Amino acid sequence: MNRLLENISVSKVDGTYVKLLDQMERTSLIILDDFGLHPLDAITRLALLQILEDRYGKKSMIISSQLPVPKWYDYIGESTIADAFMDRLSANAHQFDLKGDSLRKKK
C-alpha cells in the first residue's frame, strides 16, 4: 500500500498518472497489503476509487488490513468517496477475518 501511495503521488507530479491507472487496470490481480496504515490525501482517495471503478466486475483485488472494515469509512476520510469506495468493493467481495498470533513471530 505504501508503494502504491508513493507511485500515485509521483505520477501526479511527473504526468504519468493516466499511464499508471491504465497499467493497474490491465493487471490481473492487485494486492493492497496493510490498507489503513498510512493516511490518504484527496489525490490518493480519488485514485483508489478510480482503480476500483476500473476493475469493478472485471479484475480481482485482495486487500489486507489490520483496521476493521467498519473503520474504513473514517480512514478513507470523505464520506461520499468512502460510500462509493465501499459500494464498489463490497458488491462482489468475500471477507475473511483472521485471528491468532502473527506468523512472523514464529520465524
PDB file of N, CA and C in Angstrom:
ATOM      1  N   MET A   1       0.830  -1.187   0.000  1.00  0.00           N
ATOM      2  CA  MET A   1       0.000   0.000   0.000  1.00  0.00           C
ATOM      3  C   MET A   1       0.874   1.251   0.000  1.00  0.00           C
ATOM      4  N   ASN A   2       1.944   1.212   0.780  1.00  0.00           N
ATOM      5  CA  ASN A   2       2.827   2.362   0.855  1.00  0.00           C
ATOM      6  C   ASN A   2       3.424   2.702  -0.512  1.00  0.00           C
ATOM      7  N   ARG A   3       3.881   1.697  -1.219  1.00  0.00           N
ATOM      8  CA  ARG A   3       4.476   1.927  -2.540  1.00  0.00           C
ATOM      9  C   ARG A   3       3.433   2.453  -3.523  1.00  0.00           C
ATOM     10  N   LEU A   4       2.221   1.954  -3.468  1.00  0.00           N
ATOM     11  CA  LEU A   4       1.159   2.452  -4.347  1.00  0.00           C
ATOM     12  C   LEU A   4       0.896   3.930  -4.086  1.00  0.00           C
ATOM     13  N   LEU A   5       0.811   4.314  -2.822  1.00  0.00           N
ATOM     14  CA  LEU A   5       0.563   5.720  -2.494  1.00  0.00           C
ATOM     15  C   LEU A   5       1.701   6.599  -3.009  1.00  0.00           C
ATOM     16  N   GLU A   6       2.934   6.119  -2.888  1.00  0.00           N
ATOM     17  CA  GLU A   6       4.081   6.865  -3.416  1.00  0.00           C
ATOM     18  C   GLU A   6       4.002   6.981  -4.932  1.00  0.00           C
ATOM     19  N   ASN A   7       3.670   5.884  -5.610  1.00  0.00           N
ATOM     20  CA  ASN A   7       3.575   5.899  -7.074  1.00  0.00           C
ATOM     21  C   ASN A   7       2.481   6.837  -7.563  1.00  0.00           C
ATOM     22  N   ILE A   8       1.378   6.877  -6.854  1.00  0.00           N
ATOM     23  CA  ILE A   8       0.295   7.789  -7.225  1.00  0.00           C
ATOM     24  C   ILE A   8       0.767   9.230  -7.104  1.00  0.00           C
ATOM     25  N   SER A   9       1.394   9.555  -5.992  1.00  0.00           N
ATOM     26  CA  SER A   9       1.881  10.926  -5.781  1.00  0.00           C
ATOM     27  C   SER A   9       2.891  11.338  -6.841  1.00  0.00           C
ATOM     28  N   VAL A  10       3.850  10.467  -7.132  1.00  0.00           N
ATOM     29  CA  VAL A  10       4.877  10.779  -8.129  1.00  0.00           C
ATOM     30  C   VAL A  10       4.255  10.918  -9.514  1.00  0.00           C
ATOM     31  N   SER A  11       3.330  10.025  -9.847  1.00  0.00           N
ATOM     32  CA  SER A  11       2.729  10.062 -11.183  1.00  0.00           C
ATOM     33  C   SER A  11       1.905  11.330 -11.409  1.00  0.00           C
ATOM     34  N   LYS A  12       1.319  11.872 -10.356  1.00  0.00           N
ATOM     35  CA  LYS A  12       0.580  13.126 -10.489  1.00  0.00           C
ATOM     36  C   LYS A  12       1.538  14.278 -10.798  1.00  0.00           C
ATOM     37  N   VAL A  13       2.734  14.216 -10.237  1.00  0.00           N
ATOM     38  CA  VAL A  13       3.722  15.281 -10.437  1.00  0.00           C
ATOM     39  C   VAL A  13       4.389  15.169 -11.805  1.00  0.00           C
ATOM     40  N   ASP A  14       4.750  13.935 -12.188  1.00  0.00           N
ATOM     41  CA  ASP A  14       5.525  13.787 -13.429  1.00  0.00           C
ATOM     42  C   ASP A  14       4.667  13.550 -14.679  1.00  0.00           C
ATOM     43  N   GLY A  15       3.352  13.577 -14.531  1.00  0.00           N
ATOM     44  CA  GLY A  15       2.468  13.475 -15.692  1.00  0.00           C
ATOM     45  C   GLY A  15       2.180  12.070 -16.180  1.00  0.00           C
ATOM     46  N   THR A  16       2.493  11.054 -15.374  1.00  0.00           N
ATOM     47  CA  THR A  16       2.255   9.673 -15.792  1.00  0.00           C
ATOM     48  C   THR A  16       1.054   9.036 -15.076  1.00  0.00           C
ATOM     49  N   TYR A  17       0.204   9.853 -14.498  1.00  0.00           N
ATOM     50  CA  TYR A  17      -0.933   9.357 -13.717  1.00  0.00           C
ATOM     51  C   TYR A  17      -1.857   8.460 -14.546  1.00  0.00           C
ATOM     52  N   VAL A  18      -2.244   8.907 -15.724  1.00  0.00           N
ATOM     53  CA  VAL A  18      -3.146   8.114 -16.569  1.00  0.00           C
ATOM     54  C   VAL A  18      -2.469   6.810 -16.977  1.00  0.00           C
ATOM     55  N   LYS A  19      -1.177   6.871 -17.273  1.00  0.00           N
ATOM     56  CA  LYS A  19      -0.428   5.667 -17.621  1.00  0.00           C
ATOM     57  C   LYS A  19      -0.423   4.675 -16.453  1.00  0.00           C
ATOM     58  N   LEU A  20      -0.242   5.172 -15.234  1.00  0.00           N
ATOM     59  CA  LEU A  20      -0.274   4.317 -14.050  1.00  0.00           C
ATOM     60  C   LEU A  20      -1.636   3.656 -13.895  1.00  0.00           C
ATOM     61  N   LEU A  21      -2.715   4.432 -14.053  1.00  0.00           N
ATOM     62  CA  LEU A  21      -4.063   3.866 -13.940  1.00  0.00           C
ATOM     63  C   LEU A  21      -4.318   2.819 -15.021  1.00  0.00           C
ATOM     64  N   ASP A  22      -3.867   3.087 -16.235  1.00  0.00           N
ATOM     65  CA  ASP A  22      -4.028   2.114 -17.324  1.00  0.00           C
ATOM     66  C   ASP A  22      -3.278   0.821 -17.021  1.00  0.00           C
ATOM     67  N   GLN A  23      -2.071   0.948 -16.503  1.00  0.00           N
ATOM     68  CA  GLN A  23      -1.278  -0.229 -16.150  1.00  0.00           C
ATOM     69  C   GLN A  23      -1.982  -1.038 -15.059  1.00  0.00           C
ATOM     70  N   MET A  24      -2.521  -0.366 -14.076  1.00  0.00           N
ATOM     71  CA  MET A  24      -3.208  -1.067 -12.986  1.00  0.00           C
ATOM     72  C   MET A  24      -4.494  -1.729 -13.475  1.00  0.00           C
ATOM     73  N   GLU A  25      -5.148  -1.100 -14.436  1.00  0.00           N
ATOM     74  CA  GLU A  25      -6.376  -1.681 -14.987  1.00  0.00           C
ATOM     75  C   GLU A  25      -6.080  -2.990 -15.728  1.00  0.00           C
ATOM     76  N   ARG A  26      -4.934  -3.084 -16.366  1.00  0.00           N
ATOM     77  CA  ARG A  26      -4.567  -4.288 -17.113  1.00  0.00           C
ATOM     78  C   ARG A  26      -4.038  -5.417 -16.220  1.00  0.00           C
ATOM     79  N   THR A  27      -3.645  -5.098 -15.004  1.00  0.00           N
ATOM     80  CA  THR A  27      -3.086  -6.094 -14.091  1.00  0.00           C
ATOM     81  C   THR A  27      -4.178  -7.054 -13.625  1.00  0.00           C
ATOM     82  N   SER A  28      -3.903  -8.340 -13.702  1.00  0.00           N
ATOM     83  CA  SER A  28      -4.914  -9.351 -13.361  1.00  0.00           C
ATOM     84  C   SER A  28      -5.343  -9.301 -11.907  1.00  0.00           C
ATOM     85  N   LEU A  29      -4.392  -9.133 -11.007  1.00  0.00           N
ATOM     86  CA  LEU A  29      -4.683  -9.124  -9.572  1.00  0.00           C
ATOM     87  C   LEU A  29      -3.868  -8.025  -8.910  1.00  0.00           C
ATOM     88  N   ILE A  30      -4.531  -7.214  -8.124  1.00  0.00           N
ATOM     89  CA  ILE A  30      -3.850  -6.201  -7.323  1.00  0.00           C
ATOM     90  C   ILE A  30      -4.031  -6.576  -5.857  1.00  0.00           C
ATOM     91  N   ILE A  31      -2.937  -6.579  -5.128  1.00  0.00           N
ATOM     92  CA  ILE A  31      -2.977  -6.860  -3.694  1.00  0.00           C
ATOM     93  C   ILE A  31      -2.556  -5.592  -2.957  1.00  0.00           C
ATOM     94  N   LEU A  32      -3.449  -5.072  -2.149  1.00  0.00           N
ATOM     95  CA  LEU A  32      -3.149  -3.921  -1.302  1.00  0.00           C
ATOM     96  C   LEU A  32      -2.931  -4.453   0.114  1.00  0.00           C
ATOM     97  N   ASP A  33      -1.681  -4.516   0.498  1.00  0.00           N
ATOM     98  CA  ASP A  33      -1.322  -5.032   1.815  1.00  0.00           C
ATOM     99  C   ASP A  33      -1.189  -3.863   2.788  1.00  0.00           C
ATOM    100  N   ASP A  34      -1.616  -4.064   4.009  1.00  0.00           N
ATOM    101  CA  ASP A  34      -1.559  -3.039   5.064  1.00  0.00           C
ATOM    102  C   ASP A  34      -2.409  -1.816   4.754  1.00  0.00           C
ATOM    103  N   PHE A  35      -3.588  -2.033   4.193  1.00  0.00           N
ATOM    104  CA  PHE A  35      -4.530  -0.946   3.941  1.00  0.00           C
ATOM    105  C   PHE A  35      -4.898  -0.301   5.276  1.00  0.00           C
ATOM    106  N   GLY A  36      -4.795   0.997   5.333  1.00  0.00           N
ATOM    107  CA  GLY A  36      -5.195   1.719   6.529  1.00  0.00           C
ATOM    108  C   GLY A  36      -4.061   2.172   7.424  1.00  0.00           C
ATOM    109  N   LEU A  37      -2.832   1.867   7.054  1.00  0.00           N
ATOM    110  CA  LEU A  37      -1.706   2.266   7.900  1.00  0.00           C
ATOM    111  C   LEU A  37      -1.250   3.698   7.647  1.00  0.00           C
ATOM    112  N   HIS A  38      -1.377   4.159   6.411  1.00  0.00           N
ATOM    113  CA  HIS A  38      -0.912   5.493   6.046  1.00  0.00           C
ATOM    114  C   HIS A  38      -2.107   6.364   5.672  1.00  0.00           C
ATOM    115  N   PRO A  39      -2.115   7.624   6.078  1.00  0.00           N
ATOM    116  CA  PRO A  39      -3.259   8.491   5.776  1.00  0.00           C
ATOM    117  C   PRO A  39      -3.421   8.709   4.274  1.00  0.00           C
ATOM    118  N   LEU A  40      -4.670   8.875   3.856  1.00  0.00           N
ATOM    119  CA  LEU A  40      -4.982   9.160   2.462  1.00  0.00           C
ATOM    120  C   LEU A  40      -5.231  10.650   2.295  1.00  0.00           C
ATOM    121  N   ASP A  41      -4.660  11.215   1.248  1.00  0.00           N
ATOM    122  CA  ASP A  41      -4.998  12.598   0.916  1.00  0.00           C
ATOM    123  C   ASP A  41      -6.048  12.572  -0.201  1.00  0.00           C
ATOM    124  N   ALA A  42      -6.490  13.729  -0.628  1.00  0.00           N
ATOM    125  CA  ALA A  42      -7.555  13.815  -1.628  1.00  0.00           C
ATOM    126  C   ALA A  42      -7.165  13.109  -2.928  1.00  0.00           C
ATOM    127  N   ILE A  43      -5.917  13.250  -3.328  1.00  0.00           N
ATOM    128  CA  ILE A  43      -5.459  12.639  -4.580  1.00  0.00           C
ATOM    129  C   ILE A  43      -5.513  11.120  -4.497  1.00  0.00           C
ATOM    130  N   THR A  44      -5.009  10.559  -3.414  1.00  0.00           N
ATOM    131  CA  THR A  44      -4.975   9.100  -3.305  1.00  0.00           C
ATOM    132  C   THR A  44      -6.365   8.517  -3.077  1.00  0.00           C
ATOM    133  N   ARG A  45      -7.230   9.243  -2.392  1.00  0.00           N
ATOM    134  CA  ARG A  45      -8.624   8.773  -2.239  1.00  0.00           C
ATOM    135  C   ARG A  45      -9.273   8.616  -3.607  1.00  0.00           C
ATOM    136  N   LEU A  46      -9.147   9.647  -4.436  1.00  0.00           N
ATOM    137  CA  LEU A  46      -9.749   9.598  -5.766  1.00  0.00           C
ATOM    138  C   LEU A  46      -9.081   8.555  -6.649  1.00  0.00           C
ATOM    139  N   ALA A  47      -7.770   8.400  -6.518  1.00  0.00           N
ATOM    140  CA  ALA A  47      -7.065   7.394  -7.309  1.00  0.00           C
ATOM    141  C   ALA A  47      -7.523   5.989  -6.937  1.00  0.00           C
ATOM    142  N   LEU A  48      -7.638   5.701  -5.651  1.00  0.00           N
ATOM    143  CA  LEU A  48      -8.117   4.379  -5.226  1.00  0.00           C
ATOM    144  C   LEU A  48      -9.538   4.124  -5.719  1.00  0.00           C
ATOM    145  N   LEU A  49     -10.375   5.137  -5.662  1.00  0.00           N
ATOM    146  CA  LEU A  49     -11.734   4.992  -6.178  1.00  0.00           C
ATOM    147  C   LEU A  49     -11.701   4.704  -7.679  1.00  0.00           C
ATOM    148  N   GLN A  50     -10.854   5.384  -8.417  1.00  0.00           N
ATOM    149  CA  GLN A  50     -10.736   5.155  -9.866  1.00  0.00           C
ATOM    150  C   GLN A  50     -10.241   3.750 -10.157  1.00  0.00           C
ATOM    151  N   ILE A  51      -9.283   3.280  -9.382  1.00  0.00           N
ATOM    152  CA  ILE A  51      -8.768   1.920  -9.563  1.00  0.00           C
ATOM    153  C   ILE A  51      -9.890   0.908  -9.331  1.00  0.00           C
ATOM    154  N   LEU A  52     -10.655   1.092  -8.277  1.00  0.00           N
ATOM    155  CA  LEU A  52     -11.787   0.191  -8.016  1.00  0.00           C
ATOM    156  C   LEU A  52     -12.818   0.258  -9.133  1.00  0.00           C
ATOM    157  N   GLU A  53     -13.105   1.447  -9.594  1.00  0.00           N
ATOM    158  CA  GLU A  53     -14.085   1.624 -10.671  1.00  0.00           C
ATOM    159  C   GLU A  53     -13.629   0.920 -11.945  1.00  0.00           C
ATOM    160  N   ASP A  54     -12.357   1.081 -12.290  1.00  0.00           N
ATOM    161  CA  ASP A  54     -11.827   0.456 -13.497  1.00  0.00           C
ATOM    162  C   ASP A  54     -11.858  -1.066 -13.425  1.00  0.00           C
ATOM    163  N   ARG A  55     -11.719  -1.613 -12.228  1.00  0.00           N
ATOM    164  CA  ARG A  55     -11.619  -3.059 -12.053  1.00  0.00           C
ATOM    165  C   ARG A  55     -12.959  -3.714 -11.744  1.00  0.00           C
ATOM    166  N   TYR A  56     -13.956  -2.921 -11.405  1.00  0.00           N
ATOM    167  CA  TYR A  56     -15.234  -3.455 -10.926  1.00  0.00           C
ATOM    168  C   TYR A  56     -15.835  -4.467 -11.920  1.00  0.00           C
ATOM    169  N   GLY A  57     -16.044  -5.673 -11.441  1.00  0.00           N
ATOM    170  CA  GLY A  57     -16.655  -6.723 -12.239  1.00  0.00           C
ATOM    171  C   GLY A  57     -15.744  -7.322 -13.300  1.00  0.00           C
ATOM    172  N   LYS A  58     -14.477  -6.875 -13.367  1.00  0.00           N
ATOM    173  CA  LYS A  58     -13.565  -7.358 -14.411  1.00  0.00           C
ATOM    174  C   LYS A  58     -12.319  -8.033 -13.857  1.00  0.00           C
ATOM    175  N   LYS A  59     -11.721  -7.434 -12.860  1.00  0.00           N
ATOM    176  CA  LYS A  59     -10.440  -7.921 -12.338  1.00  0.00           C
ATOM    177  C   LYS A  59     -10.522  -8.010 -10.815  1.00  0.00           C
ATOM    178  N   SER A  60      -9.583  -8.732 -10.241  1.00  0.00           N
ATOM    179  CA  SER A  60      -9.618  -9.009  -8.805  1.00  0.00           C
ATOM    180  C   SER A  60      -8.692  -8.105  -8.002  1.00  0.00           C
ATOM    181  N   MET A  61      -9.082  -7.939  -6.738  1.00  0.00           N
ATOM    182  CA  MET A  61      -8.257  -7.225  -5.766  1.00  0.00           C
ATOM    183  C   MET A  61      -8.299  -7.995  -4.459  1.00  0.00           C
ATOM    184  N   ILE A  62      -7.190  -7.988  -3.769  1.00  0.00           N
ATOM    185  CA  ILE A  62      -7.114  -8.503  -2.410  1.00  0.00           C
ATOM    186  C   ILE A  62      -6.636  -7.343  -1.548  1.00  0.00           C
ATOM    187  N   ILE A  63      -7.363  -7.099  -0.488  1.00  0.00           N
ATOM    188  CA  ILE A  63      -6.983  -6.030   0.430  1.00  0.00           C
ATOM    189  C   ILE A  63      -6.810  -6.643   1.809  1.00  0.00           C
ATOM    190  N   SER A  64      -5.622  -6.466   2.371  1.00  0.00           N
ATOM    191  CA  SER A  64      -5.392  -6.923   3.736  1.00  0.00           C
ATOM    192  C   SER A  64      -5.244  -5.695   4.625  1.00  0.00           C
ATOM    193  N   SER A  65      -5.770  -5.826   5.831  1.00  0.00           N
ATOM    194  CA  SER A  65      -5.739  -4.684   6.740  1.00  0.00           C
ATOM    195  C   SER A  65      -5.866  -5.162   8.177  1.00  0.00           C
ATOM    196  N   GLN A  66      -5.181  -4.469   9.050  1.00  0.00           N
ATOM    197  CA  GLN A  66      -5.387  -4.698  10.475  1.00  0.00           C
ATOM    198  C   GLN A  66      -6.500  -3.801  10.999  1.00  0.00           C
ATOM    199  N   LEU A  67      -6.935  -2.889  10.170  1.00  0.00           N
ATOM    200  CA  LEU A  67      -8.012  -1.962  10.511  1.00  0.00           C
ATOM    201  C   LEU A  67      -9.347  -2.642  10.224  1.00  0.00           C
ATOM    202  N   PRO A  68     -10.235  -2.747  11.223  1.00  0.00           N
ATOM    203  CA  PRO A  68     -11.532  -3.382  10.985  1.00  0.00           C
ATOM    204  C   PRO A  68     -12.311  -2.650   9.889  1.00  0.00           C
ATOM    205  N   VAL A  69     -13.000  -3.413   9.058  1.00  0.00           N
ATOM    206  CA  VAL A  69     -13.726  -2.843   7.914  1.00  0.00           C
ATOM    207  C   VAL A  69     -14.654  -1.690   8.307  1.00  0.00           C
ATOM    208  N   PRO A  70     -15.397  -1.754   9.418  1.00  0.00           N
ATOM    209  CA  PRO A  70     -16.252  -0.605   9.758  1.00  0.00           C
ATOM    210  C   PRO A  70     -15.483   0.701   9.962  1.00  0.00           C
ATOM    211  N   LYS A  71     -14.188   0.624  10.240  1.00  0.00           N
ATOM    212  CA  LYS A  71     -13.387   1.835  10.422  1.00  0.00           C
ATOM    213  C   LYS A  71     -12.811   2.362   9.107  1.00  0.00           C
ATOM    214  N   TRP A  72     -13.022   1.635   8.016  1.00  0.00           N
ATOM    215  CA  TRP A  72     -12.514   2.073   6.726  1.00  0.00           C
ATOM    216  C   TRP A  72     -13.150   3.390   6.295  1.00  0.00           C
ATOM    217  N   TYR A  73     -14.414   3.611   6.653  1.00  0.00           N
ATOM    218  CA  TYR A  73     -15.078   4.876   6.298  1.00  0.00           C
ATOM    219  C   TYR A  73     -14.305   6.054   6.889  1.00  0.00           C
ATOM    220  N   ASP A  74     -13.963   5.948   8.165  1.00  0.00           N
ATOM    221  CA  ASP A  74     -13.208   7.030   8.812  1.00  0.00           C
ATOM    222  C   ASP A  74     -11.821   7.161   8.193  1.00  0.00           C
ATOM    223  N   TYR A  75     -11.205   6.037   7.874  1.00  0.00           N
ATOM    224  CA  TYR A  75      -9.871   6.064   7.281  1.00  0.00           C
ATOM    225  C   TYR A  75      -9.889   6.742   5.912  1.00  0.00           C
ATOM    226  N   ILE A  76     -10.851   6.408   5.086  1.00  0.00           N
ATOM    227  CA  ILE A  76     -10.936   6.998   3.747  1.00  0.00           C
ATOM    228  C   ILE A  76     -11.151   8.495   3.859  1.00  0.00           C
ATOM    229  N   GLY A  77     -11.952   8.900   4.823  1.00  0.00           N
ATOM    230  CA  GLY A  77     -11.997  10.312   5.177  1.00  0.00           C
ATOM    231  C   GLY A  77     -13.150  11.122   4.648  1.00  0.00           C
ATOM    232  N   GLU A  78     -13.462  11.028   3.403  1.00  0.00           N
ATOM    233  CA  GLU A  78     -14.557  11.810   2.831  1.00  0.00           C
ATOM    234  C   GLU A  78     -15.737  10.875   2.617  1.00  0.00           C
ATOM    235  N   SER A  79     -16.878  11.192   3.214  1.00  0.00           N
ATOM    236  CA  SER A  79     -17.994  10.248   3.249  1.00  0.00           C
ATOM    237  C   SER A  79     -18.517   9.854   1.871  1.00  0.00           C
ATOM    238  N   THR A  80     -18.588  10.768   0.938  1.00  0.00           N
ATOM    239  CA  THR A  80     -19.102  10.443  -0.392  1.00  0.00           C
ATOM    240  C   THR A  80     -18.161   9.475  -1.103  1.00  0.00           C
ATOM    241  N   ILE A  81     -16.874   9.740  -1.014  1.00  0.00           N
ATOM    242  CA  ILE A  81     -15.893   8.846  -1.639  1.00  0.00           C
ATOM    243  C   ILE A  81     -15.854   7.517  -0.902  1.00  0.00           C
ATOM    244  N   ALA A  82     -15.950   7.547   0.416  1.00  0.00           N
ATOM    245  CA  ALA A  82     -15.958   6.305   1.201  1.00  0.00           C
ATOM    246  C   ALA A  82     -17.162   5.438   0.830  1.00  0.00           C
ATOM    247  N   ASP A  83     -18.331   6.054   0.664  1.00  0.00           N
ATOM    248  CA  ASP A  83     -19.523   5.301   0.256  1.00  0.00           C
ATOM    249  C   ASP A  83     -19.314   4.653  -1.113  1.00  0.00           C
ATOM    250  N   ALA A  84     -18.792   5.416  -2.061  1.00  0.00           N
ATOM    251  CA  ALA A  84     -18.560   4.888  -3.406  1.00  0.00           C
ATOM    252  C   ALA A  84     -17.505   3.783  -3.379  1.00  0.00           C
ATOM    253  N   PHE A  85     -16.442   3.996  -2.628  1.00  0.00           N
ATOM    254  CA  PHE A  85     -15.363   3.019  -2.489  1.00  0.00           C
ATOM    255  C   PHE A  85     -15.909   1.712  -1.920  1.00  0.00           C
ATOM    256  N   MET A  86     -16.604   1.803  -0.804  1.00  0.00           N
ATOM    257  CA  MET A  86     -17.106   0.610  -0.133  1.00  0.00           C
ATOM    258  C   MET A  86     -18.186  -0.088  -0.956  1.00  0.00           C
ATOM    259  N   ASP A  87     -18.993   0.673  -1.684  1.00  0.00           N
ATOM    260  CA  ASP A  87     -20.025   0.086  -2.536  1.00  0.00           C
ATOM    261  C   ASP A  87     -19.388  -0.780  -3.620  1.00  0.00           C
ATOM    262  N   ARG A  88     -18.388  -0.241  -4.289  1.00  0.00           N
ATOM    263  CA  ARG A  88     -17.725  -0.997  -5.352  1.00  0.00           C
ATOM    264  C   ARG A  88     -16.937  -2.178  -4.797  1.00  0.00           C
ATOM    265  N   LEU A  89     -16.335  -1.979  -3.662  1.00  0.00           N
ATOM    266  CA  LEU A  89     -15.520  -3.032  -3.070  1.00  0.00           C
ATOM    267  C   LEU A  89     -16.377  -4.176  -2.516  1.00  0.00           C
ATOM    268  N   SER A  90     -17.454  -3.863  -1.861  1.00  0.00           N
ATOM    269  CA  SER A  90     -18.223  -4.892  -1.165  1.00  0.00           C
ATOM    270  C   SER A  90     -19.259  -5.598  -2.033  1.00  0.00           C
ATOM    271  N   ALA A  91     -19.540  -5.093  -3.213  1.00  0.00           N
ATOM    272  CA  ALA A  91     -20.594  -5.681  -4.051  1.00  0.00           C
ATOM    273  C   ALA A  91     -20.313  -7.138  -4.405  1.00  0.00           C
ATOM    274  N   ASN A  92     -19.073  -7.468  -4.665  1.00  0.00           N
ATOM    275  CA  ASN A  92     -18.706  -8.834  -5.046  1.00  0.00           C
ATOM    276  C   ASN A  92     -17.599  -9.383  -4.157  1.00  0.00           C
ATOM    277  N   ALA A  93     -17.551  -8.947  -2.915  1.00  0.00           N
ATOM    278  CA  ALA A  93     -16.419  -9.271  -2.051  1.00  0.00           C
ATOM    279  C   ALA A  93     -16.650 -10.521  -1.204  1.00  0.00           C
ATOM    280  N   HIS A  94     -15.541 -11.107  -0.843  1.00  0.00           N
ATOM    281  CA  HIS A  94     -15.506 -12.168   0.167  1.00  0.00           C
ATOM    282  C   HIS A  94     -14.623 -11.639   1.285  1.00  0.00           C
ATOM    283  N   GLN A  95     -15.146 -11.637   2.490  1.00  0.00           N
ATOM    284  CA  GLN A  95     -14.400 -11.102   3.625  1.00  0.00           C
ATOM    285  C   GLN A  95     -13.985 -12.240   4.546  1.00  0.00           C
ATOM    286  N   PHE A  96     -12.714 -12.223   4.929  1.00  0.00           N
ATOM    287  CA  PHE A  96     -12.169 -13.220   5.840  1.00  0.00           C
ATOM    288  C   PHE A  96     -11.550 -12.494   7.017  1.00  0.00           C
ATOM    289  N   ASP A  97     -12.042 -12.769   8.196  1.00  0.00           N
ATOM    290  CA  ASP A  97     -11.459 -12.198   9.405  1.00  0.00           C
ATOM    291  C   ASP A  97     -10.535 -13.251  10.017  1.00  0.00           C
ATOM    292  N   LEU A  98      -9.259 -12.920  10.063  1.00  0.00           N
ATOM    293  CA  LEU A  98      -8.265 -13.856  10.582  1.00  0.00           C
ATOM    294  C   LEU A  98      -7.959 -13.537  12.037  1.00  0.00           C
ATOM    295  N   LYS A  99      -7.748 -14.566  12.807  1.00  0.00           N
ATOM    296  CA  LYS A  99      -7.434 -14.392  14.219  1.00  0.00           C
ATOM    297  C   LYS A  99      -6.186 -15.212  14.535  1.00  0.00           C
ATOM    298  N   GLY A 100      -5.521 -14.851  15.591  1.00  0.00           N
ATOM    299  CA  GLY A 100      -4.354 -15.609  16.009  1.00  0.00           C
ATOM    300  C   GLY A 100      -3.112 -14.755  16.018  1.00  0.00           C
ATOM    301  N   ASP A 101      -2.036 -15.373  16.456  1.00  0.00           N
ATOM    302  CA  ASP A 101      -0.753 -14.686  16.544  1.00  0.00           C
ATOM    303  C   ASP A 101      -0.150 -14.490  15.151  1.00  0.00           C
ATOM    304  N   SER A 102       0.732 -13.548  15.080  1.00  0.00           N
ATOM    305  CA  SER A 102       1.456 -13.279  13.839  1.00  0.00           C
ATOM    306  C   SER A 102       2.337 -14.476  13.494  1.00  0.00           C
ATOM    307  N   LEU A 103       2.342 -14.849  12.236  1.00  0.00           N
ATOM    308  CA  LEU A 103       3.229 -15.917  11.795  1.00  0.00           C
ATOM    309  C   LEU A 103       4.675 -15.471  11.730  1.00  0.00           C
ATOM    310  N   ARG A 104       4.913 -14.169  11.712  1.00  0.00           N
ATOM    311  CA  ARG A 104       6.276 -13.646  11.682  1.00  0.00           C
ATOM    312  C   ARG A 104       7.001 -13.914  13.002  1.00  0.00           C
ATOM    313  N   LYS A 105       6.276 -14.028  14.070  1.00  0.00           N
ATOM    314  CA  LYS A 105       6.891 -14.302  15.375  1.00  0.00           C
ATOM    315  C   LYS A 105       7.538 -15.681  15.406  1.00  0.00           C
ATOM    316  N   LYS A 106       7.017 -16.601  14.622  1.00  0.00           N
ATOM    317  CA  LYS A 106       7.489 -17.979  14.647  1.00  0.00           C
ATOM    318  C   LYS A 106       8.782 -18.172  13.875  1.00  0.00           C
ATOM    319  N   LYS A 107       9.200 -17.191  13.082  1.00  0.00           N
ATOM    320  CA  LYS A 107      10.411 -17.348  12.275  1.00  0.00           C
ATOM    321  C   LYS A 107      11.596 -17.161  13.129  1.00  0.00           C
TER     322      LYS A 107
END
